[in-house]
Amino acid sequence: VYFTIPIMVIVLASIVSLILLVPYMPIIPILVPG
């Protein structure tokens, strides 16, 4: 769980950024998933 929590936070932050921030920062899809 000590690794699970930060992994979940990173994955969730990535999903949110891809959904909400792409119109403001088009470079996000190029860098965030990888």
Full PDB file with SEQRES, HELIX, SHEET, SSBOND, CRYST1, ORIGX, SCALE, CONECT and MASTER records, all heavy atoms in Angstrom:
SEQRES   1 A   34  VAL TYR PHE THR ILE PRO ILE MET VAL ILE VAL LEU ALA          
SEQRES   2 A   34  SER ILE VAL SER LEU ILE LEU LEU VAL PRO TYR MET PRO          
SEQRES   3 A   34  ILE ILE PRO ILE LEU VAL PRO GLY                              
HELIX    1 AA1 THR A    4  VAL A   16  1                                  13    
HELIX    2 AA2 SER A   17  LEU A   21  3                                   5    
HELIX    3 AA3 ILE A   28  LEU A   31  1                                   4    
CRYST1    1.000    1.000    1.000  90.00  90.00  90.00 P 1           1          
ORIGX1      1.000000  0.000000  0.000000        0.00000                         
ORIGX2      0.000000  1.000000  0.000000        0.00000                         
ORIGX3      0.000000  0.000000  1.000000        0.00000                         
SCALE1      1.000000  0.000000  0.000000        0.00000                         
SCALE2      0.000000  1.000000  0.000000        0.00000                         
SCALE3      0.000000  0.000000  1.000000        0.00000                         
ATOM      1  N   VAL A   1       0.820  -1.218   0.000  1.00  0.00           N  
ATOM      2  CA  VAL A   1       0.000   0.000   0.000  1.00  0.00           C  
ATOM      3  C   VAL A   1       0.851   1.263   0.000  1.00  0.00           C  
ATOM      4  O   VAL A   1       0.428   2.300  -0.517  1.00  0.00           O  
ATOM      5  CB  VAL A   1      -0.953  -0.010   1.225  1.00  0.00           C  
ATOM      6  CG1 VAL A   1      -0.158   0.081   2.533  1.00  0.00           C  
ATOM      7  CG2 VAL A   1      -1.976   1.106   1.116  1.00  0.00           C  
ATOM      8  N   TYR A   2       2.080   1.183   0.531  1.00  0.00           N  
ATOM      9  CA  TYR A   2       2.962   2.351   0.548  1.00  0.00           C  
ATOM     10  C   TYR A   2       3.379   2.757  -0.855  1.00  0.00           C  
ATOM     11  O   TYR A   2       3.770   3.907  -1.093  1.00  0.00           O  
ATOM     12  CB  TYR A   2       4.192   2.069   1.413  1.00  0.00           C  
ATOM     13  CG  TYR A   2       4.853   0.731   1.146  1.00  0.00           C  
ATOM     14  CD1 TYR A   2       5.793   0.554   0.134  1.00  0.00           C  
ATOM     15  CD2 TYR A   2       4.497  -0.392   1.911  1.00  0.00           C  
ATOM     16  CE1 TYR A   2       6.367  -0.664  -0.111  1.00  0.00           C  
ATOM     17  CE2 TYR A   2       5.078  -1.628   1.658  1.00  0.00           C  
ATOM     18  CZ  TYR A   2       6.013  -1.760   0.653  1.00  0.00           C  
ATOM     19  OH  TYR A   2       6.575  -2.989   0.398  1.00  0.00           O  
ATOM     20  N   PHE A   3       3.297   1.832  -1.819  1.00  0.00           N  
ATOM     21  CA  PHE A   3       3.521   2.158  -3.229  1.00  0.00           C  
ATOM     22  C   PHE A   3       2.190   2.368  -3.950  1.00  0.00           C  
ATOM     23  O   PHE A   3       2.102   3.140  -4.902  1.00  0.00           O  
ATOM     24  CB  PHE A   3       4.302   1.060  -3.938  1.00  0.00           C  
ATOM     25  CG  PHE A   3       5.784   1.093  -3.689  1.00  0.00           C  
ATOM     26  CD1 PHE A   3       6.510  -0.081  -3.550  1.00  0.00           C  
ATOM     27  CD2 PHE A   3       6.461   2.296  -3.601  1.00  0.00           C  
ATOM     28  CE1 PHE A   3       7.885  -0.050  -3.322  1.00  0.00           C  
ATOM     29  CE2 PHE A   3       7.832   2.346  -3.379  1.00  0.00           C  
ATOM     30  CZ  PHE A   3       8.543   1.167  -3.241  1.00  0.00           C  
ATOM     31  N   THR A   4       1.167   1.656  -3.501  1.00  0.00           N  
ATOM     32  CA  THR A   4      -0.138   1.735  -4.153  1.00  0.00           C  
ATOM     33  C   THR A   4      -0.697   3.145  -4.119  1.00  0.00           C  
ATOM     34  O   THR A   4      -1.207   3.645  -5.131  1.00  0.00           O  
ATOM     35  CB  THR A   4      -1.134   0.774  -3.479  1.00  0.00           C  
ATOM     36  OG1 THR A   4      -0.637  -0.566  -3.559  1.00  0.00           O  
ATOM     37  CG2 THR A   4      -2.492   0.850  -4.151  1.00  0.00           C  
ATOM     38  N   ILE A   5      -0.592   3.800  -2.983  1.00  0.00           N  
ATOM     39  CA  ILE A   5      -1.168   5.149  -2.846  1.00  0.00           C  
ATOM     40  C   ILE A   5      -0.523   6.146  -3.812  1.00  0.00           C  
ATOM     41  O   ILE A   5      -1.241   6.829  -4.556  1.00  0.00           O  
ATOM     42  CB  ILE A   5      -1.070   5.631  -1.386  1.00  0.00           C  
ATOM     43  CG1 ILE A   5      -1.987   4.777  -0.509  1.00  0.00           C  
ATOM     44  CG2 ILE A   5      -1.452   7.108  -1.278  1.00  0.00           C  
ATOM     45  CD1 ILE A   5      -1.885   5.085   0.977  1.00  0.00           C  
ATOM     46  N   PRO A   6       0.813   6.272  -3.835  1.00  0.00           N  
ATOM     47  CA  PRO A   6       1.393   7.225  -4.806  1.00  0.00           C  
ATOM     48  C   PRO A   6       1.130   6.849  -6.256  1.00  0.00           C  
ATOM     49  O   PRO A   6       0.947   7.727  -7.104  1.00  0.00           O  
ATOM     50  CB  PRO A   6       2.893   7.197  -4.488  1.00  0.00           C  
ATOM     51  CG  PRO A   6       3.128   5.971  -3.684  1.00  0.00           C  
ATOM     52  CD  PRO A   6       1.854   5.717  -2.952  1.00  0.00           C  
ATOM     53  N   ILE A   7       1.080   5.545  -6.565  1.00  0.00           N  
ATOM     54  CA  ILE A   7       0.765   5.128  -7.935  1.00  0.00           C  
ATOM     55  C   ILE A   7      -0.643   5.567  -8.301  1.00  0.00           C  
ATOM     56  O   ILE A   7      -0.880   6.097  -9.400  1.00  0.00           O  
ATOM     57  CB  ILE A   7       0.915   3.603  -8.081  1.00  0.00           C  
ATOM     58  CG1 ILE A   7       2.397   3.200  -8.068  1.00  0.00           C  
ATOM     59  CG2 ILE A   7       0.260   3.121  -9.377  1.00  0.00           C  
ATOM     60  CD1 ILE A   7       2.637   1.704  -8.046  1.00  0.00           C  
ATOM     61  N   MET A   8      -1.596   5.379  -7.397  1.00  0.00           N  
ATOM     62  CA  MET A   8      -2.972   5.794  -7.651  1.00  0.00           C  
ATOM     63  C   MET A   8      -3.065   7.301  -7.838  1.00  0.00           C  
ATOM     64  O   MET A   8      -3.802   7.786  -8.702  1.00  0.00           O  
ATOM     65  CB  MET A   8      -3.875   5.339  -6.502  1.00  0.00           C  
ATOM     66  CG  MET A   8      -4.081   3.842  -6.427  1.00  0.00           C  
ATOM     67  SD  MET A   8      -4.994   3.325  -4.938  1.00  0.00           S  
ATOM     68  CE  MET A   8      -6.593   4.099  -5.213  1.00  0.00           C  
ATOM     69  N   VAL A   9      -2.323   8.055  -7.043  1.00  0.00           N  
ATOM     70  CA  VAL A   9      -2.339   9.521  -7.148  1.00  0.00           C  
ATOM     71  C   VAL A   9      -1.804   9.960  -8.517  1.00  0.00           C  
ATOM     72  O   VAL A   9      -2.382  10.832  -9.176  1.00  0.00           O  
ATOM     73  CB  VAL A   9      -1.504  10.163  -6.024  1.00  0.00           C  
ATOM     74  CG1 VAL A   9      -1.310  11.657  -6.274  1.00  0.00           C  
ATOM     75  CG2 VAL A   9      -2.169   9.938  -4.674  1.00  0.00           C  
ATOM     76  N   ILE A  10      -0.705   9.333  -8.955  1.00  0.00           N  
ATOM     77  CA  ILE A  10      -0.111   9.677 -10.254  1.00  0.00           C  
ATOM     78  C   ILE A  10      -1.066   9.341 -11.391  1.00  0.00           C  
ATOM     79  O   ILE A  10      -1.268  10.146 -12.316  1.00  0.00           O  
ATOM     80  CB  ILE A  10       1.230   8.936 -10.443  1.00  0.00           C  
ATOM     81  CG1 ILE A  10       2.270   9.461  -9.455  1.00  0.00           C  
ATOM     82  CG2 ILE A  10       1.734   9.108 -11.875  1.00  0.00           C  
ATOM     83  CD1 ILE A  10       3.544   8.631  -9.413  1.00  0.00           C  
ATOM     84  N   VAL A  11      -1.665   8.154 -11.337  1.00  0.00           N  
ATOM     85  CA  VAL A  11      -2.593   7.740 -12.399  1.00  0.00           C  
ATOM     86  C   VAL A  11      -3.809   8.656 -12.431  1.00  0.00           C  
ATOM     87  O   VAL A  11      -4.247   9.096 -13.505  1.00  0.00           O  
ATOM     88  CB  VAL A  11      -3.030   6.276 -12.195  1.00  0.00           C  
ATOM     89  CG1 VAL A  11      -4.135   5.900 -13.189  1.00  0.00           C  
ATOM     90  CG2 VAL A  11      -1.835   5.340 -12.353  1.00  0.00           C  
ATOM     91  N   LEU A  12      -4.363   8.962 -11.252  1.00  0.00           N  
ATOM     92  CA  LEU A  12      -5.541   9.835 -11.192  1.00  0.00           C  
ATOM     93  C   LEU A  12      -5.216  11.233 -11.703  1.00  0.00           C  
ATOM     94  O   LEU A  12      -5.994  11.828 -12.466  1.00  0.00           O  
ATOM     95  CB  LEU A  12      -6.060   9.911  -9.757  1.00  0.00           C  
ATOM     96  CG  LEU A  12      -7.318  10.764  -9.541  1.00  0.00           C  
ATOM     97  CD1 LEU A  12      -8.474  10.209 -10.374  1.00  0.00           C  
ATOM     98  CD2 LEU A  12      -7.691  10.804  -8.064  1.00  0.00           C  
ATOM     99  N   ALA A  13      -4.055  11.771 -11.300  1.00  0.00           N  
ATOM    100  CA  ALA A  13      -3.644  13.093 -11.768  1.00  0.00           C  
ATOM    101  C   ALA A  13      -3.471  13.103 -13.284  1.00  0.00           C  
ATOM    102  O   ALA A  13      -3.809  14.092 -13.955  1.00  0.00           O  
ATOM    103  CB  ALA A  13      -2.339  13.512 -11.080  1.00  0.00           C  
ATOM    104  N   SER A  14      -2.959  12.003 -13.836  1.00  0.00           N  
ATOM    105  CA  SER A  14      -2.782  11.910 -15.287  1.00  0.00           C  
ATOM    106  C   SER A  14      -4.123  11.912 -16.006  1.00  0.00           C  
ATOM    107  O   SER A  14      -4.300  12.592 -17.024  1.00  0.00           O  
ATOM    108  CB  SER A  14      -2.003  10.637 -15.636  1.00  0.00           C  
ATOM    109  OG  SER A  14      -0.739  10.626 -15.013  1.00  0.00           O  
ATOM    110  N   ILE A  15      -5.079  11.154 -15.468  1.00  0.00           N  
ATOM    111  CA  ILE A  15      -6.409  11.092 -16.085  1.00  0.00           C  
ATOM    112  C   ILE A  15      -7.083  12.463 -16.057  1.00  0.00           C  
ATOM    113  O   ILE A  15      -7.647  12.924 -17.053  1.00  0.00           O  
ATOM    114  CB  ILE A  15      -7.286  10.058 -15.363  1.00  0.00           C  
ATOM    115  CG1 ILE A  15      -6.710   8.648 -15.565  1.00  0.00           C  
ATOM    116  CG2 ILE A  15      -8.728  10.116 -15.862  1.00  0.00           C  
ATOM    117  CD1 ILE A  15      -7.395   7.579 -14.739  1.00  0.00           C  
ATOM    118  N   VAL A  16      -7.009  13.121 -14.906  1.00  0.00           N  
ATOM    119  CA  VAL A  16      -7.630  14.450 -14.756  1.00  0.00           C  
ATOM    120  C   VAL A  16      -6.992  15.453 -15.711  1.00  0.00           C  
ATOM    121  O   VAL A  16      -7.691  16.248 -16.359  1.00  0.00           O  
ATOM    122  CB  VAL A  16      -7.504  14.938 -13.298  1.00  0.00           C  
ATOM    123  CG1 VAL A  16      -7.951  16.394 -13.181  1.00  0.00           C  
ATOM    124  CG2 VAL A  16      -8.332  14.063 -12.369  1.00  0.00           C  
ATOM    125  N   SER A  17      -5.660  15.428 -15.806  1.00  0.00           N  
ATOM    126  CA  SER A  17      -4.974  16.375 -16.689  1.00  0.00           C  
ATOM    127  C   SER A  17      -5.330  16.132 -18.155  1.00  0.00           C  
ATOM    128  O   SER A  17      -5.504  17.083 -18.928  1.00  0.00           O  
ATOM    129  CB  SER A  17      -3.460  16.281 -16.495  1.00  0.00           C  
ATOM    130  OG  SER A  17      -2.964  15.020 -16.901  1.00  0.00           O  
ATOM    131  N   LEU A  18      -5.468  14.854 -18.545  1.00  0.00           N  
ATOM    132  CA  LEU A  18      -5.817  14.544 -19.927  1.00  0.00           C  
ATOM    133  C   LEU A  18      -7.247  14.959 -20.263  1.00  0.00           C  
ATOM    134  O   LEU A  18      -7.555  15.306 -21.405  1.00  0.00           O  
ATOM    135  CB  LEU A  18      -5.641  13.043 -20.190  1.00  0.00           C  
ATOM    136  CG  LEU A  18      -4.206  12.543 -20.313  1.00  0.00           C  
ATOM    137  CD1 LEU A  18      -4.160  11.026 -20.320  1.00  0.00           C  
ATOM    138  CD2 LEU A  18      -3.550  13.086 -21.581  1.00  0.00           C  
ATOM    139  N   ILE A  19      -8.122  14.944 -19.270  1.00  0.00           N  
ATOM    140  CA  ILE A  19      -9.520  15.296 -19.504  1.00  0.00           C  
ATOM    141  C   ILE A  19      -9.763  16.795 -19.421  1.00  0.00           C  
ATOM    142  O   ILE A  19     -10.466  17.372 -20.258  1.00  0.00           O  
ATOM    143  CB  ILE A  19     -10.433  14.563 -18.492  1.00  0.00           C  
ATOM    144  CG1 ILE A  19     -10.382  13.050 -18.734  1.00  0.00           C  
ATOM    145  CG2 ILE A  19     -11.878  15.063 -18.603  1.00  0.00           C  
ATOM    146  CD1 ILE A  19     -11.140  12.243 -17.697  1.00  0.00           C  
ATOM    147  N   LEU A  20      -9.148  17.443 -18.424  1.00  0.00           N  
ATOM    148  CA  LEU A  20      -9.485  18.836 -18.134  1.00  0.00           C  
ATOM    149  C   LEU A  20      -8.489  19.872 -18.652  1.00  0.00           C  
ATOM    150  O   LEU A  20      -8.877  21.004 -18.957  1.00  0.00           O  
ATOM    151  CB  LEU A  20      -9.646  19.018 -16.617  1.00  0.00           C  
ATOM    152  CG  LEU A  20     -10.725  18.165 -15.943  1.00  0.00           C  
ATOM    153  CD1 LEU A  20     -10.751  18.454 -14.448  1.00  0.00           C  
ATOM    154  CD2 LEU A  20     -12.093  18.426 -16.569  1.00  0.00           C  
ATOM    155  N   LEU A  21      -7.220  19.502 -18.745  1.00  0.00           N  
ATOM    156  CA  LEU A  21      -6.206  20.515 -19.033  1.00  0.00           C  
ATOM    157  C   LEU A  21      -5.734  20.568 -20.479  1.00  0.00           C  
ATOM    158  O   LEU A  21      -4.991  21.480 -20.854  1.00  0.00           O  
ATOM    159  CB  LEU A  21      -4.991  20.296 -18.113  1.00  0.00           C  
ATOM    160  CG  LEU A  21      -5.256  20.377 -16.614  1.00  0.00           C  
ATOM    161  CD1 LEU A  21      -3.960  20.177 -15.838  1.00  0.00           C  
ATOM    162  CD2 LEU A  21      -5.909  21.704 -16.246  1.00  0.00           C  
ATOM    163  N   VAL A  22      -6.126  19.596 -21.287  1.00  0.00           N  
ATOM    164  CA  VAL A  22      -5.655  19.564 -22.683  1.00  0.00           C  
ATOM    165  C   VAL A  22      -5.998  20.848 -23.452  1.00  0.00           C  
ATOM    166  O   VAL A  22      -5.158  21.352 -24.207  1.00  0.00           O  
ATOM    167  CB  VAL A  22      -6.224  18.332 -23.415  1.00  0.00           C  
ATOM    168  CG1 VAL A  22      -5.934  18.412 -24.909  1.00  0.00           C  
ATOM    169  CG2 VAL A  22      -5.614  17.063 -22.832  1.00  0.00           C  
ATOM    170  N   PRO A  23      -7.217  21.416 -23.297  1.00  0.00           N  
ATOM    171  CA  PRO A  23      -7.510  22.657 -24.037  1.00  0.00           C  
ATOM    172  C   PRO A  23      -6.571  23.812 -23.695  1.00  0.00           C  
ATOM    173  O   PRO A  23      -6.350  24.697 -24.521  1.00  0.00           O  
ATOM    174  CB  PRO A  23      -8.952  22.981 -23.617  1.00  0.00           C  
ATOM    175  CG  PRO A  23      -9.522  21.668 -23.209  1.00  0.00           C  
ATOM    176  CD  PRO A  23      -8.389  20.942 -22.555  1.00  0.00           C  
ATOM    177  N   TYR A  24      -6.027  23.798 -22.482  1.00  0.00           N  
ATOM    178  CA  TYR A  24      -5.149  24.891 -22.052  1.00  0.00           C  
ATOM    179  C   TYR A  24      -3.673  24.561 -22.274  1.00  0.00           C  
ATOM    180  O   TYR A  24      -2.851  25.467 -22.423  1.00  0.00           O  
ATOM    181  CB  TYR A  24      -5.392  25.185 -20.575  1.00  0.00           C  
ATOM    182  CG  TYR A  24      -6.845  25.401 -20.236  1.00  0.00           C  
ATOM    183  CD1 TYR A  24      -7.607  24.371 -19.667  1.00  0.00           C  
ATOM    184  CD2 TYR A  24      -7.472  26.606 -20.509  1.00  0.00           C  
ATOM    185  CE1 TYR A  24      -8.951  24.560 -19.368  1.00  0.00           C  
ATOM    186  CE2 TYR A  24      -8.818  26.802 -20.212  1.00  0.00           C  
ATOM    187  CZ  TYR A  24      -9.537  25.775 -19.647  1.00  0.00           C  
ATOM    188  OH  TYR A  24     -10.861  25.959 -19.363  1.00  0.00           O  
ATOM    189  N   MET A  25      -3.346  23.273 -22.282  1.00  0.00           N  
ATOM    190  CA  MET A  25      -1.954  22.831 -22.467  1.00  0.00           C  
ATOM    191  C   MET A  25      -1.941  21.663 -23.457  1.00  0.00           C  
ATOM    192  O   MET A  25      -1.953  20.499 -23.051  1.00  0.00           O  
ATOM    193  CB  MET A  25      -1.335  22.418 -21.127  1.00  0.00           C  
ATOM    194  CG  MET A  25      -1.293  23.533 -20.094  1.00  0.00           C  
ATOM    195  SD  MET A  25      -0.626  22.960 -18.497  1.00  0.00           S  
ATOM    196  CE  MET A  25       1.060  22.551 -18.986  1.00  0.00           C  
ATOM    197  N   PRO A  26      -1.926  21.949 -24.748  1.00  0.00           N  
ATOM    198  CA  PRO A  26      -2.000  20.888 -25.766  1.00  0.00           C  
ATOM    199  C   PRO A  26      -0.850  19.890 -25.706  1.00  0.00           C  
ATOM    200  O   PRO A  26      -0.953  18.804 -26.283  1.00  0.00           O  
ATOM    201  CB  PRO A  26      -1.963  21.678 -27.088  1.00  0.00           C  
ATOM    202  CG  PRO A  26      -2.433  23.052 -26.733  1.00  0.00           C  
ATOM    203  CD  PRO A  26      -1.934  23.297 -25.345  1.00  0.00           C  
ATOM    204  N   ILE A  27       0.232  20.232 -25.030  1.00  0.00           N  
ATOM    205  CA  ILE A  27       1.385  19.323 -24.972  1.00  0.00           C  
ATOM    206  C   ILE A  27       1.163  18.160 -24.013  1.00  0.00           C  
ATOM    207  O   ILE A  27       1.891  17.163 -24.038  1.00  0.00           O  
ATOM    208  CB  ILE A  27       2.652  20.099 -24.553  1.00  0.00           C  
ATOM    209  CG1 ILE A  27       3.911  19.279 -24.898  1.00  0.00           C  
ATOM    210  CG2 ILE A  27       2.618  20.434 -23.063  1.00  0.00           C  
ATOM    211  CD1 ILE A  27       5.195  20.014 -24.665  1.00  0.00           C  
ATOM    212  N   ILE A  28       0.132  18.246 -23.177  1.00  0.00           N  
ATOM    213  CA  ILE A  28      -0.120  17.223 -22.162  1.00  0.00           C  
ATOM    214  C   ILE A  28      -0.255  15.817 -22.754  1.00  0.00           C  
ATOM    215  O   ILE A  28       0.355  14.866 -22.251  1.00  0.00           O  
ATOM    216  CB  ILE A  28      -1.361  17.591 -21.318  1.00  0.00           C  
ATOM    217  CG1 ILE A  28      -0.982  18.682 -20.304  1.00  0.00           C  
ATOM    218  CG2 ILE A  28      -1.917  16.360 -20.584  1.00  0.00           C  
ATOM    219  CD1 ILE A  28      -2.120  19.136 -19.423  1.00  0.00           C  
ATOM    220  N   PRO A  29      -1.043  15.612 -23.832  1.00  0.00           N  
ATOM    221  CA  PRO A  29      -1.160  14.243 -24.375  1.00  0.00           C  
ATOM    222  C   PRO A  29       0.159  13.684 -24.882  1.00  0.00           C  
ATOM    223  O   PRO A  29       0.328  12.466 -24.958  1.00  0.00           O  
ATOM    224  CB  PRO A  29      -2.154  14.412 -25.531  1.00  0.00           C  
ATOM    225  CG  PRO A  29      -2.899  15.659 -25.219  1.00  0.00           C  
ATOM    226  CD  PRO A  29      -1.920  16.559 -24.537  1.00  0.00           C  
ATOM    227  N   ILE A  30       1.099  14.558 -25.223  1.00  0.00           N  
ATOM    228  CA  ILE A  30       2.376  14.096 -25.752  1.00  0.00           C  
ATOM    229  C   ILE A  30       3.311  13.602 -24.656  1.00  0.00           C  
ATOM    230  O   ILE A  30       4.121  12.704 -24.881  1.00  0.00           O  
ATOM    231  CB  ILE A  30       3.063  15.230 -26.552  1.00  0.00           C  
ATOM    232  CG1 ILE A  30       2.164  15.664 -27.714  1.00  0.00           C  
ATOM    233  CG2 ILE A  30       4.425  14.783 -27.083  1.00  0.00           C  
ATOM    234  CD1 ILE A  30       2.717  16.833 -28.505  1.00  0.00           C  
ATOM    235  N   LEU A  31       3.164  14.155 -23.458  1.00  0.00           N  
ATOM    236  CA  LEU A  31       4.109  13.840 -22.393  1.00  0.00           C  
ATOM    237  C   LEU A  31       3.522  13.044 -21.230  1.00  0.00           C  
ATOM    238  O   LEU A  31       4.197  12.210 -20.645  1.00  0.00           O  
ATOM    239  CB  LEU A  31       4.725  15.139 -21.841  1.00  0.00           C  
ATOM    240  CG  LEU A  31       5.630  15.926 -22.793  1.00  0.00           C  
ATOM    241  CD1 LEU A  31       6.128  17.197 -22.111  1.00  0.00           C  
ATOM    242  CD2 LEU A  31       6.800  15.086 -23.262  1.00  0.00           C  
ATOM    243  N   VAL A  32       2.262  13.272 -20.902  1.00  0.00           N  
ATOM    244  CA  VAL A  32       1.708  12.717 -19.664  1.00  0.00           C  
ATOM    245  C   VAL A  32       1.632  11.193 -19.641  1.00  0.00           C  
ATOM    246  O   VAL A  32       2.114  10.569 -18.676  1.00  0.00           O  
ATOM    247  CB  VAL A  32       0.329  13.337 -19.366  1.00  0.00           C  
ATOM    248  CG1 VAL A  32      -0.395  12.548 -18.263  1.00  0.00           C  
ATOM    249  CG2 VAL A  32       0.497  14.785 -18.914  1.00  0.00           C  
ATOM    250  N   PRO A  33       1.041  10.504 -20.633  1.00  0.00           N  
ATOM    251  CA  PRO A  33       0.927   9.039 -20.519  1.00  0.00           C  
ATOM    252  C   PRO A  33       2.268   8.339 -20.340  1.00  0.00           C  
ATOM    253  O   PRO A  33       2.429   7.508 -19.437  1.00  0.00           O  
ATOM    254  CB  PRO A  33       0.260   8.644 -21.849  1.00  0.00           C  
ATOM    255  CG  PRO A  33      -0.481   9.863 -22.271  1.00  0.00           C  
ATOM    256  CD  PRO A  33       0.389  11.010 -21.864  1.00  0.00           C  
ATOM    257  N   GLY A  34       3.239   8.660 -21.186  1.00  0.00           N  
ATOM    258  CA  GLY A  34       4.548   8.021 -21.088  1.00  0.00           C  
ATOM    259  C   GLY A  34       5.290   8.374 -19.823  1.00  0.00           C  
ATOM    260  O   GLY A  34       5.900   7.511 -19.183  1.00  0.00           O  
TER     261      GLY A  34                                                      
MASTER        0    0    0    3    0    0    0    6  260    1    0    3          
END                                                                             
